[in-house]
Every structure is written in C-alpha cells, then in structure tokens.
Amino acid sequence: MDKSVVSRWLSGKVMPSGHNRARIASEIARLRPGFSALAFESPRDHFLAALS
C-alpha cells in the first residue's frame, strides 16, 4: 500500500474502497475483537470509540 493513499484516507480527501475497508477492519479486529467494517459508516465519535 502506498503511503500517499493512506495519507489521503487519513486526511478525509478520499475514502478507502469497500474492499480496502474490509481489509483494514480485519487487521483492526485482530487487536480490537468485534471491530467490523460497519464502523466506517458510523458517526466519527462512534468510530473512534470502536477503536479504543
């Protein structure tokens, strides 16, 4: 994954594709059981709470 792509995701300029959101969610879920790609669709505060 090119870091410029991730940088655009983090800045909010673009959203990861559904495929990439699923891949990211899978990796996050390894550290935060129960995390799913659905968190990307929730309000920001809910998303951040799911990460902590």
PDB file of N, CA and C in Angstrom:
ATOM      1  N   MET A   1       0.851  -1.171   0.000  1.00  0.00           N
ATOM      2  CA  MET A   1       0.000   0.000   0.000  1.00  0.00           C
ATOM      3  C   MET A   1       0.895   1.232   0.000  1.00  0.00           C
ATOM      4  N   ASP A   2       0.652   2.119  -0.905  1.00  0.00           N
ATOM      5  CA  ASP A   2       1.420   3.353  -0.991  1.00  0.00           C
ATOM      6  C   ASP A   2       1.012   4.291   0.134  1.00  0.00           C
ATOM      7  N   LYS A   3       1.978   4.870   0.811  1.00  0.00           N
ATOM      8  CA  LYS A   3       1.656   5.730   1.951  1.00  0.00           C
ATOM      9  C   LYS A   3       0.896   6.985   1.543  1.00  0.00           C
ATOM     10  N   SER A   4       1.015   7.423   0.288  1.00  0.00           N
ATOM     11  CA  SER A   4       0.249   8.596  -0.144  1.00  0.00           C
ATOM     12  C   SER A   4      -1.244   8.286  -0.177  1.00  0.00           C
ATOM     13  N   VAL A   5      -1.595   7.037  -0.487  1.00  0.00           N
ATOM     14  CA  VAL A   5      -3.001   6.619  -0.491  1.00  0.00           C
ATOM     15  C   VAL A   5      -3.543   6.669   0.931  1.00  0.00           C
ATOM     16  N   VAL A   6      -2.801   6.112   1.870  1.00  0.00           N
ATOM     17  CA  VAL A   6      -3.213   6.125   3.273  1.00  0.00           C
ATOM     18  C   VAL A   6      -3.317   7.561   3.766  1.00  0.00           C
ATOM     19  N   SER A   7      -2.395   8.406   3.375  1.00  0.00           N
ATOM     20  CA  SER A   7      -2.434   9.817   3.769  1.00  0.00           C
ATOM     21  C   SER A   7      -3.719  10.490   3.295  1.00  0.00           C
ATOM     22  N   ARG A   8      -4.147  10.183   2.079  1.00  0.00           N
ATOM     23  CA  ARG A   8      -5.408  10.766   1.566  1.00  0.00           C
ATOM     24  C   ARG A   8      -6.604  10.241   2.341  1.00  0.00           C
ATOM     25  N   TRP A   9      -6.554   8.962   2.747  1.00  0.00           N
ATOM     26  CA  TRP A   9      -7.635   8.417   3.576  1.00  0.00           C
ATOM     27  C   TRP A   9      -7.692   9.158   4.898  1.00  0.00           C
ATOM     28  N   LEU A  10      -6.534   9.311   5.540  1.00  0.00           N
ATOM     29  CA  LEU A  10      -6.499   9.939   6.856  1.00  0.00           C
ATOM     30  C   LEU A  10      -6.897  11.404   6.815  1.00  0.00           C
ATOM     31  N   SER A  11      -6.604  12.067   5.713  1.00  0.00           N
ATOM     32  CA  SER A  11      -6.969  13.482   5.595  1.00  0.00           C
ATOM     33  C   SER A  11      -8.446  13.663   5.266  1.00  0.00           C
ATOM     34  N   GLY A  12      -9.107  12.569   4.864  1.00  0.00           N
ATOM     35  CA  GLY A  12     -10.516  12.656   4.503  1.00  0.00           C
ATOM     36  C   GLY A  12     -10.758  13.061   3.067  1.00  0.00           C
ATOM     37  N   LYS A  13      -9.687  13.187   2.280  1.00  0.00           N
ATOM     38  CA  LYS A  13      -9.852  13.570   0.877  1.00  0.00           C
ATOM     39  C   LYS A  13     -10.547  12.490   0.070  1.00  0.00           C
ATOM     40  N   VAL A  14     -10.272  11.241   0.395  1.00  0.00           N
ATOM     41  CA  VAL A  14     -10.927  10.099  -0.251  1.00  0.00           C
ATOM     42  C   VAL A  14     -11.201   9.039   0.797  1.00  0.00           C
ATOM     43  N   MET A  15     -12.156   8.175   0.504  1.00  0.00           N
ATOM     44  CA  MET A  15     -12.457   7.050   1.390  1.00  0.00           C
ATOM     45  C   MET A  15     -11.893   5.781   0.767  1.00  0.00           C
ATOM     46  N   PRO A  16     -11.432   4.864   1.605  1.00  0.00           N
ATOM     47  CA  PRO A  16     -10.978   3.585   1.061  1.00  0.00           C
ATOM     48  C   PRO A  16     -12.146   2.856   0.399  1.00  0.00           C
ATOM     49  N   SER A  17     -11.846   2.054  -0.585  1.00  0.00           N
ATOM     50  CA  SER A  17     -12.891   1.257  -1.244  1.00  0.00           C
ATOM     51  C   SER A  17     -13.456   0.251  -0.245  1.00  0.00           C
ATOM     52  N   GLY A  18     -14.579  -0.327  -0.571  1.00  0.00           N
ATOM     53  CA  GLY A  18     -15.181  -1.340   0.296  1.00  0.00           C
ATOM     54  C   GLY A  18     -14.229  -2.487   0.567  1.00  0.00           C
ATOM     55  N   HIS A  19     -13.509  -2.890  -0.460  1.00  0.00           N
ATOM     56  CA  HIS A  19     -12.534  -3.977  -0.314  1.00  0.00           C
ATOM     57  C   HIS A  19     -11.437  -3.577   0.680  1.00  0.00           C
ATOM     58  N   ASN A  20     -10.918  -2.366   0.548  1.00  0.00           N
ATOM     59  CA  ASN A  20      -9.863  -1.928   1.458  1.00  0.00           C
ATOM     60  C   ASN A  20     -10.388  -1.692   2.870  1.00  0.00           C
ATOM     61  N   ARG A  21     -11.622  -1.200   3.007  1.00  0.00           N
ATOM     62  CA  ARG A  21     -12.201  -1.051   4.353  1.00  0.00           C
ATOM     63  C   ARG A  21     -12.306  -2.404   5.039  1.00  0.00           C
ATOM     64  N   ALA A  22     -12.698  -3.420   4.289  1.00  0.00           N
ATOM     65  CA  ALA A  22     -12.793  -4.768   4.867  1.00  0.00           C
ATOM     66  C   ALA A  22     -11.416  -5.272   5.294  1.00  0.00           C
ATOM     67  N   ARG A  23     -10.405  -5.016   4.493  1.00  0.00           N
ATOM     68  CA  ARG A  23      -9.044  -5.434   4.838  1.00  0.00           C
ATOM     69  C   ARG A  23      -8.548  -4.693   6.074  1.00  0.00           C
ATOM     70  N   ILE A  24      -8.805  -3.393   6.134  1.00  0.00           N
ATOM     71  CA  ILE A  24      -8.389  -2.593   7.290  1.00  0.00           C
ATOM     72  C   ILE A  24      -9.122  -3.077   8.537  1.00  0.00           C
ATOM     73  N   ALA A  25     -10.429  -3.296   8.412  1.00  0.00           N
ATOM     74  CA  ALA A  25     -11.233  -3.749   9.553  1.00  0.00           C
ATOM     75  C   ALA A  25     -10.741  -5.091  10.070  1.00  0.00           C
ATOM     76  N   SER A  26     -10.352  -5.967   9.166  1.00  0.00           N
ATOM     77  CA  SER A  26      -9.845  -7.274   9.559  1.00  0.00           C
ATOM     78  C   SER A  26      -8.579  -7.133  10.403  1.00  0.00           C
ATOM     79  N   GLU A  27      -7.709  -6.235  10.013  1.00  0.00           N
ATOM     80  CA  GLU A  27      -6.474  -6.016  10.772  1.00  0.00           C
ATOM     81  C   GLU A  27      -6.758  -5.358  12.127  1.00  0.00           C
ATOM     82  N   ILE A  28      -7.660  -4.387  12.141  1.00  0.00           N
ATOM     83  CA  ILE A  28      -8.015  -3.740  13.412  1.00  0.00           C
ATOM     84  C   ILE A  28      -8.653  -4.753  14.352  1.00  0.00           C
ATOM     85  N   ALA A  29      -9.510  -5.631  13.812  1.00  0.00           N
ATOM     86  CA  ALA A  29     -10.214  -6.626  14.635  1.00  0.00           C
ATOM     87  C   ALA A  29      -9.251  -7.600  15.301  1.00  0.00           C
ATOM     88  N   ARG A  30      -8.078  -7.768  14.727  1.00  0.00           N
ATOM     89  CA  ARG A  30      -7.085  -8.628  15.380  1.00  0.00           C
ATOM     90  C   ARG A  30      -6.679  -8.044  16.726  1.00  0.00           C
ATOM     91  N   LEU A  31      -6.679  -6.712  16.830  1.00  0.00           N
ATOM     92  CA  LEU A  31      -6.318  -6.034  18.081  1.00  0.00           C
ATOM     93  C   LEU A  31      -7.532  -5.612  18.896  1.00  0.00           C
ATOM     94  N   ARG A  32      -8.635  -5.397  18.216  1.00  0.00           N
ATOM     95  CA  ARG A  32      -9.886  -4.961  18.854  1.00  0.00           C
ATOM     96  C   ARG A  32     -10.997  -5.908  18.434  1.00  0.00           C
ATOM     97  N   PRO A  33     -11.114  -7.063  19.111  1.00  0.00           N
ATOM     98  CA  PRO A  33     -12.153  -8.030  18.725  1.00  0.00           C
ATOM     99  C   PRO A  33     -13.536  -7.376  18.669  1.00  0.00           C
ATOM    100  N   GLY A  34     -14.295  -7.725  17.666  1.00  0.00           N
ATOM    101  CA  GLY A  34     -15.626  -7.157  17.496  1.00  0.00           C
ATOM    102  C   GLY A  34     -15.669  -5.990  16.530  1.00  0.00           C
ATOM    103  N   PHE A  35     -14.514  -5.415  16.213  1.00  0.00           N
ATOM    104  CA  PHE A  35     -14.480  -4.313  15.249  1.00  0.00           C
ATOM    105  C   PHE A  35     -14.865  -4.857  13.882  1.00  0.00           C
ATOM    106  N   SER A  36     -15.659  -4.102  13.127  1.00  0.00           N
ATOM    107  CA  SER A  36     -16.032  -4.538  11.782  1.00  0.00           C
ATOM    108  C   SER A  36     -16.026  -3.346  10.831  1.00  0.00           C
ATOM    109  N   ALA A  37     -16.099  -3.646   9.554  1.00  0.00           N
ATOM    110  CA  ALA A  37     -16.108  -2.604   8.529  1.00  0.00           C
ATOM    111  C   ALA A  37     -17.321  -1.688   8.675  1.00  0.00           C
ATOM    112  N   LEU A  38     -18.361  -2.142   9.367  1.00  0.00           N
ATOM    113  CA  LEU A  38     -19.538  -1.287   9.580  1.00  0.00           C
ATOM    114  C   LEU A  38     -19.195  -0.038  10.375  1.00  0.00           C
ATOM    115  N   ALA A  39     -18.149  -0.088  11.159  1.00  0.00           N
ATOM    116  CA  ALA A  39     -17.740   1.079  11.951  1.00  0.00           C
ATOM    117  C   ALA A  39     -17.388   2.261  11.056  1.00  0.00           C
ATOM    118  N   PHE A  40     -16.955   1.992   9.834  1.00  0.00           N
ATOM    119  CA  PHE A  40     -16.610   3.071   8.911  1.00  0.00           C
ATOM    120  C   PHE A  40     -17.835   3.897   8.520  1.00  0.00           C
ATOM    121  N   GLU A  41     -19.014   3.327   8.659  1.00  0.00           N
ATOM    122  CA  GLU A  41     -20.253   4.014   8.289  1.00  0.00           C
ATOM    123  C   GLU A  41     -20.869   4.781   9.452  1.00  0.00           C
ATOM    124  N   SER A  42     -20.347   4.578  10.647  1.00  0.00           N
ATOM    125  CA  SER A  42     -20.933   5.212  11.836  1.00  0.00           C
ATOM    126  C   SER A  42     -20.382   6.625  12.021  1.00  0.00           C
ATOM    127  N   PRO A  43     -21.063   7.425  12.854  1.00  0.00           N
ATOM    128  CA  PRO A  43     -20.553   8.772  13.136  1.00  0.00           C
ATOM    129  C   PRO A  43     -19.134   8.708  13.705  1.00  0.00           C
ATOM    130  N   ARG A  44     -18.388   9.767  13.491  1.00  0.00           N
ATOM    131  CA  ARG A  44     -16.979   9.811  13.879  1.00  0.00           C
ATOM    132  C   ARG A  44     -16.752   9.416  15.333  1.00  0.00           C
ATOM    133  N   ASP A  45     -17.557   9.929  16.256  1.00  0.00           N
ATOM    134  CA  ASP A  45     -17.335   9.612  17.673  1.00  0.00           C
ATOM    135  C   ASP A  45     -17.551   8.124  17.957  1.00  0.00           C
ATOM    136  N   HIS A  46     -18.499   7.504  17.267  1.00  0.00           N
ATOM    137  CA  HIS A  46     -18.729   6.064  17.424  1.00  0.00           C
ATOM    138  C   HIS A  46     -17.557   5.267  16.830  1.00  0.00           C
ATOM    139  N   PHE A  47     -17.078   5.733  15.683  1.00  0.00           N
ATOM    140  CA  PHE A  47     -15.942   5.085  15.042  1.00  0.00           C
ATOM    141  C   PHE A  47     -14.725   5.121  15.973  1.00  0.00           C
ATOM    142  N   LEU A  48     -14.441   6.307  16.516  1.00  0.00           N
ATOM    143  CA  LEU A  48     -13.284   6.448  17.393  1.00  0.00           C
ATOM    144  C   LEU A  48     -13.450   5.612  18.660  1.00  0.00           C
ATOM    145  N   ALA A  49     -14.671   5.526  19.173  1.00  0.00           N
ATOM    146  CA  ALA A  49     -14.914   4.704  20.364  1.00  0.00           C
ATOM    147  C   ALA A  49     -14.664   3.234  20.051  1.00  0.00           C
ATOM    148  N   ALA A  50     -14.986   2.800  18.848  1.00  0.00           N
ATOM    149  CA  ALA A  50     -14.762   1.409  18.467  1.00  0.00           C
ATOM    150  C   ALA A  50     -13.281   1.077  18.393  1.00  0.00           C
ATOM    151  N   LEU A  51     -12.464   2.096  18.166  1.00  0.00           N
ATOM    152  CA  LEU A  51     -11.022   1.884  18.099  1.00  0.00           C
ATOM    153  C   LEU A  51     -10.356   1.824  19.461  1.00  0.00           C
ATOM    154  N   SER A  52     -11.029   2.373  20.465  1.00  0.00           N
ATOM    155  CA  SER A  52     -10.374   2.415  21.779  1.00  0.00           C
ATOM    156  C   SER A  52     -10.854   1.331  22.702  1.00  0.00           C
TER     157      SER A  52
END
